[in-house]
């Protein structure tokens, strides 16, 4: 347990890395390649029962470890917090490409139903593709509150027909597109990891655009955008003004389509990874706003 986690969590012994929890609930955890430590599912559960659980949904090619900061804040605010690992994530490129929309949605949906049956209320936090899963869950289970961080409802460049056609052609020929990536320790947050976790996942996932997988992501995006019309949850939408993945047009989409109440937090100059940004003020604003949203009566 890292010193940062010990300092931030009022009862750090309750933070458990729990891959078995995932295997029990989600029958499709069948990867053959090892899972990196940073990607292990985790839960933070109080010793005495609390009425509300929060499900945290990580993003496309992301890991549960990326949600450690907001998870600790929510735990210390009195919520039990759970973060599963999406199938294919946190392992090899081969395992990632084997997974797809049904796995990614089913994983979060199974977790949501499990928690909703055991708590008085369930709230959901979703980042990027996790935001899409949060929308789908909120519509299906009629949740009262959700928080979405850079949800991938409007992906920059993906709406262009020529771009999507190129992806389809590249996918047909099983091509992958090299993209610049390098490790930046300023974005590590407070999650536990082994040496080389980021370098390995960078070499497998973050250094490539994988066309067949992006097409799978787009399928979830289309489902979530249709669900949005029926989502009655009180919704907090957080978006950085310099997000290079999600279009600012998503704000207008939510204002137009969301059935429930909407609060928008636009963080100036923040990027897509605002929830664990190297600008700590941005990260604090993002994560504290989520806690306040869930604590509001």
Protein backbone atom coordinates (compact mmCIF):
# COMPACT_ATOMS: atom_id res chain seq x y z
CA UNK A 1 0.00 0.00 0.00
CA UNK A 2 1.53 3.30 -1.08
CA UNK A 3 2.07 6.12 1.42
CA UNK A 4 -0.19 8.40 -0.63
CA UNK A 5 -3.08 5.97 -0.30
CA UNK A 6 -2.48 5.57 3.42
CA UNK A 7 -2.53 9.35 3.88
CA UNK A 8 -5.65 9.94 1.78
CA UNK A 9 -7.85 7.09 2.94
CA UNK A 10 -9.33 7.15 6.42
CA UNK A 11 -9.51 3.34 6.53
CA UNK A 12 -7.00 2.13 3.98
CA UNK A 13 -7.27 -1.51 5.03
CA UNK A 14 -10.61 -1.60 3.24
CA UNK A 15 -9.07 -0.97 -0.18
CA UNK A 16 -8.85 -4.38 -1.74
CA UNK A 17 -7.48 -5.43 -5.09
CA UNK A 18 -9.98 -8.10 -6.00
CA UNK A 19 -9.65 -9.98 -9.26
CA UNK A 20 -11.66 -12.87 -7.80
CA UNK A 21 -14.60 -10.53 -7.23
CA UNK A 22 -14.59 -9.85 -10.94
CA UNK A 23 -14.35 -13.50 -11.85
CA UNK A 24 -17.29 -14.45 -9.66
CA UNK A 25 -19.63 -11.82 -11.10
CA UNK A 26 -18.41 -11.55 -14.67
CA UNK A 27 -18.22 -14.97 -16.30
CA UNK A 28 -16.40 -13.58 -19.33
CA UNK A 29 -13.11 -12.92 -17.52
CA UNK A 30 -11.20 -15.45 -19.57
CA UNK A 31 -7.97 -13.77 -20.66
CA UNK A 32 -4.98 -16.07 -20.96
CA UNK A 33 -2.31 -13.35 -20.75
CA UNK A 34 -1.44 -11.81 -17.34
CA UNK A 35 -3.25 -8.75 -16.03
CA UNK A 36 -1.05 -5.85 -14.91
CA UNK A 37 -1.36 -4.76 -11.28
CA UNK A 38 -2.68 -1.31 -12.21
CA UNK A 39 -5.60 -3.03 -13.98
CA UNK A 40 -6.77 -5.23 -11.10
CA UNK A 41 -10.40 -4.59 -10.08
CA UNK A 42 -10.75 -3.01 -6.66
CA UNK A 43 -13.38 -2.24 -4.07
CA UNK A 44 -13.49 0.08 -1.05
CA UNK A 45 -16.10 -1.10 1.43
CA UNK A 46 -16.79 0.34 4.89
CA UNK A 47 -16.82 -2.00 7.87
CA UNK A 48 -20.32 -0.85 8.80
CA UNK A 49 -23.06 -0.88 6.14
CA UNK A 50 -23.67 2.27 4.11
CA UNK A 51 -26.76 2.93 1.95
CA UNK A 52 -25.14 4.03 -1.31
CA UNK A 53 -22.66 2.32 -3.61
CA UNK A 54 -20.78 4.01 -6.44
CA UNK A 55 -19.76 2.08 -9.52
CA UNK A 56 -16.75 3.58 -11.31
CA UNK A 57 -16.39 2.79 -15.02
CA UNK A 58 -12.98 3.24 -16.64
CA UNK A 59 -12.44 4.13 -20.27
CA UNK A 60 -11.37 2.55 -23.55
CA UNK A 61 -7.87 1.02 -23.13
CA UNK A 62 -7.92 2.33 -19.55
CA UNK A 63 -7.65 0.55 -16.18
CA UNK A 64 -9.36 0.54 -12.78
CA UNK A 65 -6.24 2.18 -11.34
CA UNK A 66 -7.06 5.38 -13.21
CA UNK A 67 -10.08 5.83 -10.93
CA UNK A 68 -8.21 5.46 -7.65
CA UNK A 69 -8.19 9.19 -6.88
CA UNK A 70 -11.93 9.72 -7.26
CA UNK A 71 -12.56 6.34 -5.62
CA UNK A 72 -10.74 7.36 -2.44
CA UNK A 73 -12.55 10.68 -2.29
CA UNK A 74 -15.92 8.96 -2.64
CA UNK A 75 -14.99 6.35 -0.04
CA UNK A 76 -13.95 9.00 2.45
CA UNK A 77 -17.23 10.82 1.78
CA UNK A 78 -19.14 7.75 2.99
CA UNK A 79 -19.80 5.70 -0.14
CA UNK A 80 -18.78 2.13 -0.88
CA UNK A 81 -16.92 2.17 -4.18
CA UNK A 82 -16.38 -0.55 -6.79
CA UNK A 83 -14.36 -0.54 -10.01
CA UNK A 84 -14.36 -3.60 -12.28
CA UNK A 85 -11.88 -4.15 -15.08
CA UNK A 86 -13.33 -4.27 -18.57
CA UNK A 87 -12.54 -7.56 -20.37
CA UNK A 88 -9.44 -7.33 -22.54
CA UNK A 89 -8.13 -4.28 -20.71
CA UNK A 90 -4.89 -4.15 -18.75
CA UNK A 91 -3.42 -7.11 -20.57
CA UNK A 92 -1.99 -7.71 -24.04
CA UNK A 93 -3.03 -6.29 -27.39
CA UNK A 94 -4.12 -9.78 -28.41
CA UNK A 95 -6.50 -10.06 -25.46
CA UNK A 96 -7.80 -6.55 -26.00
CA UNK A 97 -8.68 -7.26 -29.63
CA UNK A 98 -10.56 -10.40 -28.60
CA UNK A 99 -12.95 -8.32 -26.46
CA UNK A 100 -15.72 -6.11 -27.73
CA UNK A 101 -18.92 -4.11 -27.09
CA UNK A 102 -20.95 -6.95 -25.59
CA UNK A 103 -18.17 -7.77 -23.12
CA UNK A 104 -17.60 -4.13 -22.18
CA UNK A 105 -21.27 -3.31 -21.65
CA UNK A 106 -22.13 -6.62 -19.96
CA UNK A 107 -19.28 -6.23 -17.50
CA UNK A 108 -20.46 -2.89 -16.14
CA UNK A 109 -24.12 -3.84 -16.35
CA UNK A 110 -23.55 -7.04 -14.36
CA UNK A 111 -21.72 -5.02 -11.70
CA UNK A 112 -24.50 -2.43 -11.59
CA UNK A 113 -27.24 -5.01 -11.12
CA UNK A 114 -25.20 -6.79 -8.44
CA UNK A 115 -24.74 -3.55 -6.49
CA UNK A 116 -28.26 -2.24 -7.00
CA UNK A 117 -29.62 -5.41 -5.39
CA UNK A 118 -27.43 -4.89 -2.32
CA UNK A 119 -27.66 -1.14 -1.66
CA UNK A 120 -30.48 1.34 -1.22
CA UNK A 121 -29.10 3.41 -4.10
CA UNK A 122 -26.48 3.13 -6.80
CA UNK A 123 -24.64 6.04 -8.43
CA UNK A 124 -22.26 5.71 -11.37
CA UNK A 125 -19.11 7.57 -12.41
CA UNK A 126 -17.87 7.05 -15.95
CA UNK A 127 -14.81 8.31 -17.79
CA UNK A 128 -14.70 8.38 -21.61
CA UNK A 129 -16.11 5.03 -22.83
CA UNK A 130 -16.99 4.41 -19.19
CA UNK A 131 -19.26 7.44 -19.53
CA UNK A 132 -21.08 5.67 -22.36
CA UNK A 133 -21.56 2.60 -20.16
CA UNK A 134 -22.79 4.86 -17.35
CA UNK A 135 -25.44 6.34 -19.66
CA UNK A 136 -26.60 2.87 -20.74
CA UNK A 137 -26.77 1.66 -17.12
CA UNK A 138 -28.59 4.80 -15.94
CA UNK A 139 -31.25 4.33 -18.62
CA UNK A 140 -31.72 0.62 -18.00
CA UNK A 141 -31.80 0.77 -14.19
CA UNK A 142 -33.38 4.23 -13.87
CA UNK A 143 -30.63 5.60 -11.66
CA UNK A 144 -31.06 8.92 -9.89
CA UNK A 145 -27.48 10.30 -10.18
CA UNK A 146 -24.52 9.89 -12.49
CA UNK A 147 -21.29 11.78 -13.13
CA UNK A 148 -19.68 11.71 -16.56
CA UNK A 149 -16.08 12.77 -17.21
CA UNK A 150 -15.36 13.42 -20.89
CA UNK A 151 -17.97 10.87 -22.02
CA UNK A 152 -17.26 9.64 -25.54
CA UNK A 153 -20.62 10.68 -26.99
CA UNK A 154 -18.98 12.92 -29.60
CA UNK A 155 -15.53 11.74 -30.63
CA UNK A 156 -13.41 14.18 -32.58
CA UNK A 157 -12.97 13.08 -36.18
CA UNK A 158 -15.06 9.93 -35.90
CA UNK A 159 -18.20 11.52 -37.35
CA UNK A 160 -16.47 12.19 -40.68
CA UNK A 161 -17.53 9.55 -43.21
CA UNK A 162 -14.07 9.46 -44.79
CA UNK A 163 -12.41 8.79 -41.43
CA UNK A 164 -14.78 5.96 -40.61
CA UNK A 165 -14.35 4.45 -44.08
CA UNK A 166 -10.57 4.44 -43.61
CA UNK A 167 -11.02 2.68 -40.27
CA UNK A 168 -13.22 0.04 -41.88
CA UNK A 169 -10.69 -0.62 -44.63
CA UNK A 170 -7.82 -0.81 -42.12
CA UNK A 171 -9.88 -3.14 -39.95
CA UNK A 172 -10.60 -5.44 -42.90
CA UNK A 173 -6.88 -5.82 -43.52
CA UNK A 174 -6.16 -6.18 -39.76
CA UNK A 175 -3.97 -3.10 -39.79
CA UNK A 176 -2.96 -1.06 -36.77
CA UNK A 177 -1.83 2.56 -36.86
CA UNK A 178 1.24 3.61 -34.88
CA UNK A 179 0.69 6.73 -32.79
CA UNK A 180 3.13 8.69 -30.57
CA UNK A 181 3.10 7.75 -26.88
CA UNK A 182 5.55 8.04 -24.02
CA UNK A 183 5.25 7.46 -20.32
CA UNK A 184 4.52 10.55 -18.22
CA UNK A 185 4.90 9.91 -14.47
CA UNK A 186 3.04 13.14 -13.71
CA UNK A 187 -0.18 11.33 -14.68
CA UNK A 188 0.33 8.33 -12.38
CA UNK A 189 -2.11 9.51 -9.72
CA UNK A 190 -2.08 7.43 -6.52
CA UNK A 191 -2.94 3.98 -7.81
CA UNK A 192 -0.74 1.00 -7.06
CA UNK A 193 1.29 -0.45 -9.91
CA UNK A 194 4.33 -2.54 -10.64
CA UNK A 195 7.39 -1.16 -12.34
CA UNK A 196 6.80 -1.28 -16.06
CA UNK A 197 2.98 -1.34 -15.99
CA UNK A 198 2.67 1.85 -18.02
CA UNK A 199 5.51 0.98 -20.38
CA UNK A 200 4.00 -2.44 -21.09
CA UNK A 201 0.45 -1.17 -21.65
CA UNK A 202 1.86 1.69 -23.70
CA UNK A 203 3.67 -0.77 -25.97
CA UNK A 204 0.57 -2.95 -26.30
CA UNK A 205 -2.30 -0.44 -26.45
CA UNK A 206 -1.52 3.24 -26.14
CA UNK A 207 1.03 3.37 -28.95
CA UNK A 208 -1.54 2.27 -31.54
CA UNK A 209 -4.88 3.11 -33.03
CA UNK A 210 -6.57 -0.27 -33.46
CA UNK A 211 -9.22 0.30 -36.17
CA UNK A 212 -11.30 -2.81 -35.48
CA UNK A 213 -11.51 -1.86 -31.81
CA UNK A 214 -12.37 1.78 -32.53
CA UNK A 215 -15.28 0.52 -34.63
CA UNK A 216 -16.42 -1.50 -31.61
CA UNK A 217 -16.20 1.63 -29.46
CA UNK A 218 -18.36 3.47 -31.97
CA UNK A 219 -21.09 0.84 -31.57
CA UNK A 220 -21.28 1.59 -27.85
CA UNK A 221 -21.30 5.32 -28.60
CA UNK A 222 -24.36 4.94 -30.84
CA UNK A 223 -26.22 2.90 -28.21
CA UNK A 224 -25.45 5.41 -25.45
CA UNK A 225 -26.53 8.38 -27.56
CA UNK A 226 -29.92 6.73 -28.13
CA UNK A 227 -30.26 5.91 -24.42
CA UNK A 228 -29.60 9.54 -23.51
CA UNK A 229 -33.16 10.51 -24.49
CA UNK A 230 -34.49 8.27 -21.71
CA UNK A 231 -31.96 9.00 -18.96
CA UNK A 232 -33.73 10.76 -16.09
CA UNK A 233 -30.70 10.86 -13.79
CA UNK A 234 -29.43 14.07 -12.25
CA UNK A 235 -26.27 14.32 -14.33
CA UNK A 236 -22.95 16.08 -13.81
CA UNK A 237 -21.05 16.49 -17.09
CA UNK A 238 -17.36 17.38 -16.84
CA UNK A 239 -15.33 18.31 -19.89
CA UNK A 240 -11.93 19.95 -20.39
CA UNK A 241 -11.77 22.72 -22.95
CA UNK A 242 -8.62 21.20 -24.48
CA UNK A 243 -9.87 17.63 -24.73
CA UNK A 244 -8.39 16.22 -27.93
CA UNK A 245 -10.66 13.15 -27.91
CA UNK A 246 -14.15 14.43 -27.08
CA UNK A 247 -15.75 17.32 -28.92
CA UNK A 248 -17.13 20.33 -27.05
CA UNK A 249 -20.32 19.66 -29.04
CA UNK A 250 -21.13 16.99 -26.48
CA UNK A 251 -22.30 19.75 -24.12
CA UNK A 252 -24.97 20.79 -26.62
CA UNK A 253 -25.96 17.16 -27.11
CA UNK A 254 -26.61 16.73 -23.38
CA UNK A 255 -28.52 20.01 -23.14
CA UNK A 256 -30.68 18.93 -26.06
CA UNK A 257 -31.20 15.21 -25.40
CA UNK A 258 -30.84 14.42 -21.68
CA UNK A 259 -34.16 13.82 -19.98
CA UNK A 260 -32.92 14.52 -16.45
CA UNK A 261 -31.37 17.60 -14.85
CA UNK A 262 -27.93 18.62 -16.12
CA UNK A 263 -25.00 20.41 -14.52
CA UNK A 264 -22.00 21.23 -16.70
CA UNK A 265 -18.49 21.78 -15.41
CA UNK A 266 -16.18 23.04 -18.15
CA UNK A 267 -12.57 23.07 -16.94
CA UNK A 268 -10.45 25.56 -18.82
CA UNK A 269 -7.36 24.16 -20.58
CA UNK A 270 -7.93 20.66 -19.16
CA UNK A 271 -7.52 17.60 -21.38
CA UNK A 272 -9.15 14.19 -21.65
CA UNK A 273 -7.48 12.77 -18.52
CA UNK A 274 -8.69 15.57 -16.25
CA UNK A 275 -9.67 13.19 -13.43
CA UNK A 276 -5.98 12.47 -12.77
CA UNK A 277 -4.43 15.44 -14.53
CA UNK A 278 -0.84 16.56 -14.07
CA UNK A 279 -2.46 19.88 -13.21
CA UNK A 280 -3.57 19.01 -9.67
CA UNK A 281 -5.96 21.97 -9.46
CA UNK A 282 -7.90 20.62 -12.43
CA UNK A 283 -7.98 17.12 -10.97
CA UNK A 284 -9.10 18.41 -7.58
CA UNK A 285 -11.87 20.49 -9.15
CA UNK A 286 -13.07 17.54 -11.20
CA UNK A 287 -13.07 14.97 -8.41
CA UNK A 288 -14.35 17.25 -5.64
CA UNK A 289 -17.23 18.30 -7.89
CA UNK A 290 -18.25 14.66 -8.33
CA UNK A 291 -18.26 14.07 -4.56
CA UNK A 292 -20.34 17.24 -4.00
CA UNK A 293 -22.77 16.16 -6.73
CA UNK A 294 -23.36 12.81 -5.08
CA UNK A 295 -23.68 14.32 -1.59
CA UNK A 296 -26.33 16.83 -2.65
CA UNK A 297 -29.82 16.04 -1.37
